[in-house]
N, C-alpha and C. Protein backbone atom coordinates (compact mmCIF):
# COMPACT_ATOMS: atom_id res chain seq x y z
N MET A 1 -50.67 198.75 50.74
CA MET A 1 -51.01 199.95 50.02
C MET A 1 -50.64 199.83 48.54
N LYS A 2 -49.45 199.21 48.29
CA LYS A 2 -49.02 199.03 46.90
C LYS A 2 -50.03 198.21 46.12
N LYS A 3 -50.55 197.17 46.76
CA LYS A 3 -51.52 196.29 46.09
C LYS A 3 -52.79 197.06 45.74
N ILE A 4 -53.24 197.93 46.63
CA ILE A 4 -54.45 198.72 46.37
C ILE A 4 -54.21 199.68 45.22
N LEU A 5 -53.08 200.38 45.25
CA LEU A 5 -52.77 201.32 44.17
C LEU A 5 -52.64 200.60 42.83
N PHE A 6 -51.97 199.46 42.85
CA PHE A 6 -51.82 198.69 41.61
C PHE A 6 -53.18 198.22 41.11
N GLY A 7 -54.04 197.78 42.03
CA GLY A 7 -55.39 197.35 41.67
C GLY A 7 -56.19 198.47 41.03
N LEU A 8 -56.12 199.67 41.61
CA LEU A 8 -56.82 200.82 41.04
C LEU A 8 -56.27 201.17 39.66
N LEU A 9 -54.97 201.11 39.53
CA LEU A 9 -54.35 201.39 38.23
C LEU A 9 -54.80 200.38 37.19
N ILE A 10 -54.84 199.13 37.57
CA ILE A 10 -55.27 198.07 36.65
C ILE A 10 -56.72 198.27 36.25
N MET A 11 -57.57 198.59 37.21
CA MET A 11 -58.99 198.80 36.88
C MET A 11 -59.15 199.95 35.90
N ALA A 12 -58.41 201.03 36.11
CA ALA A 12 -58.50 202.18 35.22
C ALA A 12 -57.99 201.85 33.83
N THR A 13 -56.88 201.11 33.75
CA THR A 13 -56.32 200.79 32.45
C THR A 13 -57.12 199.73 31.71
N SER A 14 -57.82 198.89 32.44
CA SER A 14 -58.58 197.82 31.77
C SER A 14 -59.70 198.38 30.91
N LEU A 15 -60.12 199.60 31.19
CA LEU A 15 -61.15 200.22 30.36
C LEU A 15 -60.61 200.59 28.99
N MET A 16 -59.30 200.82 28.90
CA MET A 16 -58.70 201.26 27.65
C MET A 16 -57.86 200.18 26.98
N ALA A 17 -57.47 199.16 27.70
CA ALA A 17 -56.52 198.18 27.20
C ALA A 17 -57.12 197.29 26.12
N GLU A 18 -56.33 197.06 25.11
CA GLU A 18 -56.69 196.11 24.06
C GLU A 18 -55.64 195.01 24.07
N VAL A 19 -55.79 194.12 25.00
CA VAL A 19 -54.85 193.03 25.17
C VAL A 19 -55.36 191.81 24.43
N GLN A 20 -54.47 191.13 23.79
CA GLN A 20 -54.82 189.89 23.12
C GLN A 20 -54.71 188.76 24.15
N ASN A 21 -55.83 188.11 24.44
CA ASN A 21 -55.85 186.96 25.35
C ASN A 21 -55.96 185.69 24.51
N ILE A 22 -54.97 184.82 24.65
CA ILE A 22 -54.94 183.58 23.88
C ILE A 22 -54.79 182.43 24.87
N TRP A 23 -55.61 181.39 24.69
CA TRP A 23 -55.45 180.20 25.52
C TRP A 23 -54.13 179.56 25.15
N VAL A 24 -53.28 179.40 26.13
CA VAL A 24 -51.96 178.83 25.89
C VAL A 24 -52.10 177.39 25.40
N SER A 25 -51.24 177.01 24.48
CA SER A 25 -51.24 175.65 23.94
C SER A 25 -49.83 175.32 23.46
N THR A 26 -49.59 174.05 23.24
CA THR A 26 -48.29 173.67 22.71
C THR A 26 -48.08 174.23 21.31
N ASP A 27 -49.16 174.40 20.55
CA ASP A 27 -49.04 175.01 19.22
C ASP A 27 -48.57 176.45 19.33
N PHE A 28 -49.10 177.18 20.31
CA PHE A 28 -48.66 178.57 20.49
C PHE A 28 -47.17 178.63 20.81
N LEU A 29 -46.69 177.68 21.60
CA LEU A 29 -45.28 177.68 22.00
C LEU A 29 -44.35 177.51 20.81
N LYS A 30 -44.84 176.99 19.70
CA LYS A 30 -44.02 176.78 18.50
C LYS A 30 -43.83 178.08 17.71
N LYS A 31 -44.62 179.12 18.03
CA LYS A 31 -44.50 180.40 17.33
C LYS A 31 -43.22 181.10 17.74
N ASP A 32 -42.79 182.00 16.89
CA ASP A 32 -41.57 182.75 17.15
C ASP A 32 -41.91 184.02 17.94
N ILE A 33 -42.44 183.83 19.15
CA ILE A 33 -42.81 184.94 20.02
C ILE A 33 -42.14 184.70 21.38
N LYS A 34 -41.46 185.71 21.87
CA LYS A 34 -40.81 185.58 23.17
C LYS A 34 -41.86 185.43 24.26
N ILE A 35 -41.57 184.55 25.22
CA ILE A 35 -42.46 184.32 26.35
C ILE A 35 -41.75 184.76 27.62
N ILE A 36 -42.43 185.60 28.38
CA ILE A 36 -41.90 186.10 29.65
C ILE A 36 -42.69 185.43 30.77
N ASP A 37 -42.00 184.69 31.62
CA ASP A 37 -42.62 184.00 32.75
C ASP A 37 -42.47 184.90 33.97
N ILE A 38 -43.59 185.41 34.49
CA ILE A 38 -43.55 186.39 35.57
C ILE A 38 -43.69 185.78 36.97
N ARG A 39 -43.73 184.46 37.06
CA ARG A 39 -43.90 183.82 38.37
C ARG A 39 -42.67 184.03 39.24
N THR A 40 -42.71 183.48 40.43
CA THR A 40 -41.60 183.59 41.37
C THR A 40 -40.61 182.45 41.16
N PRO A 41 -39.37 182.61 41.63
CA PRO A 41 -38.40 181.52 41.51
C PRO A 41 -38.89 180.22 42.15
N ALA A 42 -39.61 180.31 43.26
CA ALA A 42 -40.15 179.09 43.88
C ALA A 42 -41.11 178.39 42.93
N GLU A 43 -41.93 179.15 42.22
CA GLU A 43 -42.88 178.56 41.26
C GLU A 43 -42.14 177.98 40.06
N TRP A 44 -41.09 178.64 39.62
CA TRP A 44 -40.30 178.12 38.50
C TRP A 44 -39.67 176.78 38.87
N ARG A 45 -39.14 176.70 40.10
CA ARG A 45 -38.52 175.45 40.54
C ARG A 45 -39.56 174.34 40.72
N GLU A 46 -40.71 174.70 41.25
CA GLU A 46 -41.76 173.71 41.53
C GLU A 46 -42.38 173.13 40.26
N ALA A 47 -42.73 173.97 39.31
CA ALA A 47 -43.48 173.52 38.13
C ALA A 47 -42.67 173.53 36.85
N GLY A 48 -41.45 174.04 36.88
CA GLY A 48 -40.66 174.14 35.66
C GLY A 48 -41.08 175.36 34.85
N ILE A 49 -40.40 175.55 33.73
CA ILE A 49 -40.68 176.69 32.86
C ILE A 49 -40.80 176.23 31.41
N VAL A 50 -41.40 177.06 30.60
CA VAL A 50 -41.49 176.81 29.16
C VAL A 50 -40.08 176.94 28.58
N LYS A 51 -39.72 176.01 27.72
CA LYS A 51 -38.40 176.05 27.08
C LYS A 51 -38.21 177.40 26.39
N ASP A 52 -37.08 178.02 26.61
CA ASP A 52 -36.68 179.31 26.03
C ASP A 52 -37.43 180.52 26.60
N ALA A 53 -38.27 180.32 27.62
CA ALA A 53 -38.96 181.46 28.25
C ALA A 53 -37.95 182.28 29.05
N TYR A 54 -38.25 183.56 29.16
CA TYR A 54 -37.45 184.46 29.97
C TYR A 54 -38.12 184.58 31.34
N THR A 55 -37.37 184.38 32.39
CA THR A 55 -37.92 184.43 33.74
C THR A 55 -37.66 185.82 34.33
N ILE A 56 -38.74 186.60 34.42
CA ILE A 56 -38.66 187.94 34.99
C ILE A 56 -39.80 188.08 35.98
N MET A 57 -39.49 187.95 37.25
CA MET A 57 -40.51 187.99 38.30
C MET A 57 -41.17 189.37 38.36
N PHE A 58 -42.51 189.38 38.48
CA PHE A 58 -43.23 190.64 38.69
C PHE A 58 -43.58 190.80 40.16
N PHE A 59 -44.39 189.89 40.70
CA PHE A 59 -44.75 189.92 42.12
C PHE A 59 -43.84 188.96 42.86
N ASP A 60 -43.36 189.38 44.04
CA ASP A 60 -42.58 188.44 44.84
C ASP A 60 -43.52 187.55 45.65
N GLU A 61 -42.95 186.71 46.49
CA GLU A 61 -43.74 185.75 47.27
C GLU A 61 -44.74 186.42 48.20
N LYS A 62 -44.49 187.67 48.56
CA LYS A 62 -45.38 188.41 49.46
C LYS A 62 -46.37 189.29 48.71
N GLY A 63 -46.33 189.27 47.38
CA GLY A 63 -47.23 190.08 46.58
C GLY A 63 -46.72 191.48 46.31
N ASN A 64 -45.50 191.76 46.71
CA ASN A 64 -44.89 193.07 46.44
C ASN A 64 -44.38 193.10 45.00
N PHE A 65 -44.25 194.29 44.47
CA PHE A 65 -43.74 194.42 43.10
C PHE A 65 -42.95 195.70 42.96
N ASN A 66 -42.11 195.72 41.94
CA ASN A 66 -41.31 196.88 41.62
C ASN A 66 -41.39 197.05 40.11
N VAL A 67 -42.28 197.91 39.66
CA VAL A 67 -42.53 198.08 38.22
C VAL A 67 -41.26 198.50 37.49
N ALA A 68 -40.53 199.46 38.04
CA ALA A 68 -39.31 199.95 37.38
C ALA A 68 -38.30 198.83 37.18
N GLN A 69 -38.13 198.02 38.20
CA GLN A 69 -37.19 196.89 38.11
C GLN A 69 -37.64 195.88 37.06
N PHE A 70 -38.95 195.58 37.05
CA PHE A 70 -39.49 194.66 36.06
C PHE A 70 -39.26 195.20 34.64
N LEU A 71 -39.58 196.48 34.44
CA LEU A 71 -39.44 197.07 33.11
C LEU A 71 -37.99 197.12 32.65
N THR A 72 -37.07 197.36 33.57
CA THR A 72 -35.65 197.36 33.22
C THR A 72 -35.25 196.00 32.65
N LYS A 73 -35.67 194.95 33.33
CA LYS A 73 -35.36 193.59 32.87
C LYS A 73 -36.10 193.25 31.58
N LEU A 74 -37.38 193.63 31.51
CA LEU A 74 -38.18 193.36 30.31
C LEU A 74 -37.58 194.03 29.08
N ASN A 75 -37.16 195.29 29.23
CA ASN A 75 -36.62 196.04 28.10
C ASN A 75 -35.27 195.51 27.61
N LYS A 76 -34.63 194.65 28.38
CA LYS A 76 -33.41 193.99 27.92
C LYS A 76 -33.75 192.80 27.02
N VAL A 77 -35.01 192.35 27.09
CA VAL A 77 -35.44 191.16 26.36
C VAL A 77 -36.28 191.51 25.12
N VAL A 78 -37.17 192.48 25.26
CA VAL A 78 -38.04 192.86 24.14
C VAL A 78 -37.85 194.33 23.79
N LYS A 79 -38.04 194.61 22.52
CA LYS A 79 -37.98 195.99 22.04
C LYS A 79 -39.38 196.58 22.06
N LYS A 80 -39.47 197.87 22.25
CA LYS A 80 -40.76 198.54 22.22
C LYS A 80 -41.42 198.26 20.87
N GLY A 81 -42.66 197.84 20.88
CA GLY A 81 -43.38 197.50 19.66
C GLY A 81 -43.32 196.03 19.29
N GLU A 82 -42.32 195.32 19.82
CA GLU A 82 -42.20 193.89 19.55
C GLU A 82 -43.28 193.12 20.32
N GLN A 83 -43.94 192.20 19.63
CA GLN A 83 -44.96 191.40 20.30
C GLN A 83 -44.30 190.32 21.14
N PHE A 84 -44.83 190.14 22.36
CA PHE A 84 -44.35 189.10 23.25
C PHE A 84 -45.53 188.61 24.09
N ALA A 85 -45.32 187.51 24.81
CA ALA A 85 -46.38 186.92 25.61
C ALA A 85 -45.96 186.80 27.06
N LEU A 86 -46.94 186.92 27.95
CA LEU A 86 -46.71 186.74 29.39
C LEU A 86 -47.39 185.46 29.84
N ILE A 87 -46.70 184.73 30.70
CA ILE A 87 -47.28 183.51 31.27
C ILE A 87 -47.04 183.51 32.78
N CYS A 88 -48.02 182.96 33.49
CA CYS A 88 -47.88 182.74 34.93
C CYS A 88 -48.51 181.38 35.24
N ARG A 89 -48.93 181.16 36.44
CA ARG A 89 -49.47 179.86 36.83
C ARG A 89 -50.79 179.57 36.12
N THR A 90 -51.75 180.51 36.18
CA THR A 90 -53.08 180.28 35.59
C THR A 90 -53.50 181.34 34.58
N GLY A 91 -52.77 182.42 34.49
CA GLY A 91 -53.13 183.50 33.59
C GLY A 91 -53.81 184.67 34.29
N SER A 92 -54.05 184.57 35.57
CA SER A 92 -54.71 185.66 36.31
C SER A 92 -53.78 186.87 36.48
N ARG A 93 -52.58 186.63 36.94
CA ARG A 93 -51.64 187.75 37.12
C ARG A 93 -51.28 188.38 35.79
N THR A 94 -51.03 187.53 34.79
CA THR A 94 -50.63 188.07 33.50
C THR A 94 -51.76 188.83 32.82
N ALA A 95 -53.00 188.47 33.09
CA ALA A 95 -54.14 189.21 32.52
C ALA A 95 -54.10 190.66 32.97
N GLU A 96 -53.85 190.87 34.25
CA GLU A 96 -53.82 192.23 34.79
C GLU A 96 -52.57 192.98 34.36
N ILE A 97 -51.43 192.33 34.41
CA ILE A 97 -50.18 192.98 34.03
C ILE A 97 -50.19 193.31 32.54
N SER A 98 -50.76 192.43 31.72
CA SER A 98 -50.85 192.68 30.28
C SER A 98 -51.66 193.94 29.99
N LYS A 99 -52.76 194.11 30.70
CA LYS A 99 -53.59 195.32 30.52
C LYS A 99 -52.79 196.57 30.84
N PHE A 100 -52.07 196.52 31.94
CA PHE A 100 -51.24 197.66 32.35
C PHE A 100 -50.16 197.96 31.32
N LEU A 101 -49.42 196.94 30.90
CA LEU A 101 -48.33 197.14 29.94
C LEU A 101 -48.84 197.67 28.61
N SER A 102 -49.99 197.19 28.20
CA SER A 102 -50.57 197.59 26.92
C SER A 102 -51.13 199.01 26.98
N ALA A 103 -52.03 199.26 27.90
CA ALA A 103 -52.74 200.54 27.95
C ALA A 103 -51.87 201.69 28.43
N GLU A 104 -51.10 201.45 29.47
CA GLU A 104 -50.32 202.54 30.06
C GLU A 104 -48.97 202.76 29.40
N LEU A 105 -48.36 201.68 28.91
CA LEU A 105 -46.99 201.80 28.42
C LEU A 105 -46.83 201.47 26.94
N GLY A 106 -47.90 201.03 26.29
CA GLY A 106 -47.86 200.81 24.85
C GLY A 106 -47.16 199.55 24.38
N TYR A 107 -46.99 198.58 25.25
CA TYR A 107 -46.37 197.32 24.84
C TYR A 107 -47.36 196.48 24.02
N ASN A 108 -46.82 195.67 23.13
CA ASN A 108 -47.61 194.77 22.29
C ASN A 108 -47.57 193.38 22.93
N VAL A 109 -48.46 193.15 23.89
CA VAL A 109 -48.38 191.98 24.75
C VAL A 109 -49.57 191.04 24.58
N ILE A 110 -49.29 189.76 24.69
CA ILE A 110 -50.31 188.71 24.64
C ILE A 110 -50.38 188.08 26.03
N ASN A 111 -51.58 187.93 26.57
CA ASN A 111 -51.76 187.20 27.81
C ASN A 111 -52.03 185.74 27.48
N LEU A 112 -51.22 184.85 28.03
CA LEU A 112 -51.42 183.42 27.80
C LEU A 112 -52.36 182.87 28.88
N ALA A 113 -53.63 182.88 28.56
CA ALA A 113 -54.68 182.42 29.48
C ALA A 113 -54.50 180.94 29.78
N GLY A 114 -54.76 180.58 31.02
CA GLY A 114 -54.62 179.20 31.45
C GLY A 114 -53.26 178.89 32.04
N GLY A 115 -52.25 179.62 31.59
CA GLY A 115 -50.90 179.51 32.15
C GLY A 115 -50.31 178.12 32.16
N MET A 116 -49.36 177.95 33.06
CA MET A 116 -48.64 176.68 33.18
C MET A 116 -49.56 175.53 33.59
N VAL A 117 -50.59 175.84 34.36
CA VAL A 117 -51.52 174.79 34.78
C VAL A 117 -52.17 174.14 33.56
N LYS A 118 -52.64 174.96 32.63
CA LYS A 118 -53.29 174.45 31.41
C LYS A 118 -52.29 173.65 30.57
N LEU A 119 -51.10 174.19 30.39
CA LEU A 119 -50.09 173.48 29.59
C LEU A 119 -49.78 172.11 30.17
N ARG A 120 -49.57 172.05 31.46
CA ARG A 120 -49.23 170.77 32.10
C ARG A 120 -50.39 169.79 32.03
N ARG A 121 -51.62 170.28 32.16
CA ARG A 121 -52.80 169.40 32.04
C ARG A 121 -52.88 168.77 30.66
N GLU A 122 -52.41 169.51 29.66
CA GLU A 122 -52.45 169.01 28.28
C GLU A 122 -51.23 168.16 27.93
N GLY A 123 -50.39 167.88 28.93
CA GLY A 123 -49.27 166.98 28.69
C GLY A 123 -47.94 167.65 28.40
N TYR A 124 -47.90 168.97 28.41
CA TYR A 124 -46.63 169.66 28.16
C TYR A 124 -45.66 169.37 29.29
N ARG A 125 -44.43 169.08 28.93
CA ARG A 125 -43.38 168.81 29.91
C ARG A 125 -42.45 170.03 29.99
N PRO A 126 -42.61 170.84 31.02
CA PRO A 126 -41.73 172.01 31.15
C PRO A 126 -40.30 171.58 31.46
N ILE A 127 -39.37 172.48 31.21
CA ILE A 127 -37.99 172.20 31.54
C ILE A 127 -37.73 172.58 33.00
N ILE A 128 -36.71 172.01 33.58
CA ILE A 128 -36.37 172.28 34.98
C ILE A 128 -35.69 173.64 35.05
N TYR A 129 -36.14 174.44 36.00
CA TYR A 129 -35.52 175.76 36.25
C TYR A 129 -34.32 175.57 37.15
N LYS A 130 -33.20 176.19 36.76
CA LYS A 130 -31.98 176.07 37.56
C LYS A 130 -31.61 177.42 38.14
């Protein structure tokens, strides 16, 4: 049920959202923009993480989520109005979450399209998650 409600919310917000979608690249990683990795701990361990990225899980391994918990952790890392980027495995999850954060909550968020898969294909060596 949570997935259906979240899907409906995302569809409604996508009509209003003005999210910046940028293909992730090693050049982008050199910018002074905080990166939030929303994948699961298993994904972080398996594929590594971007150096200096903040690991804040959105969906758990079963697809469940807790928006309030995510926002509590996010707000400890970024200030309202501060631009930041979201990354996941391919950019699919972050595309939807970015729309929600932007349209519904007013965050200044960038979706890193292509995600970790694209970065690794281009030769980026992620750091090991501990």
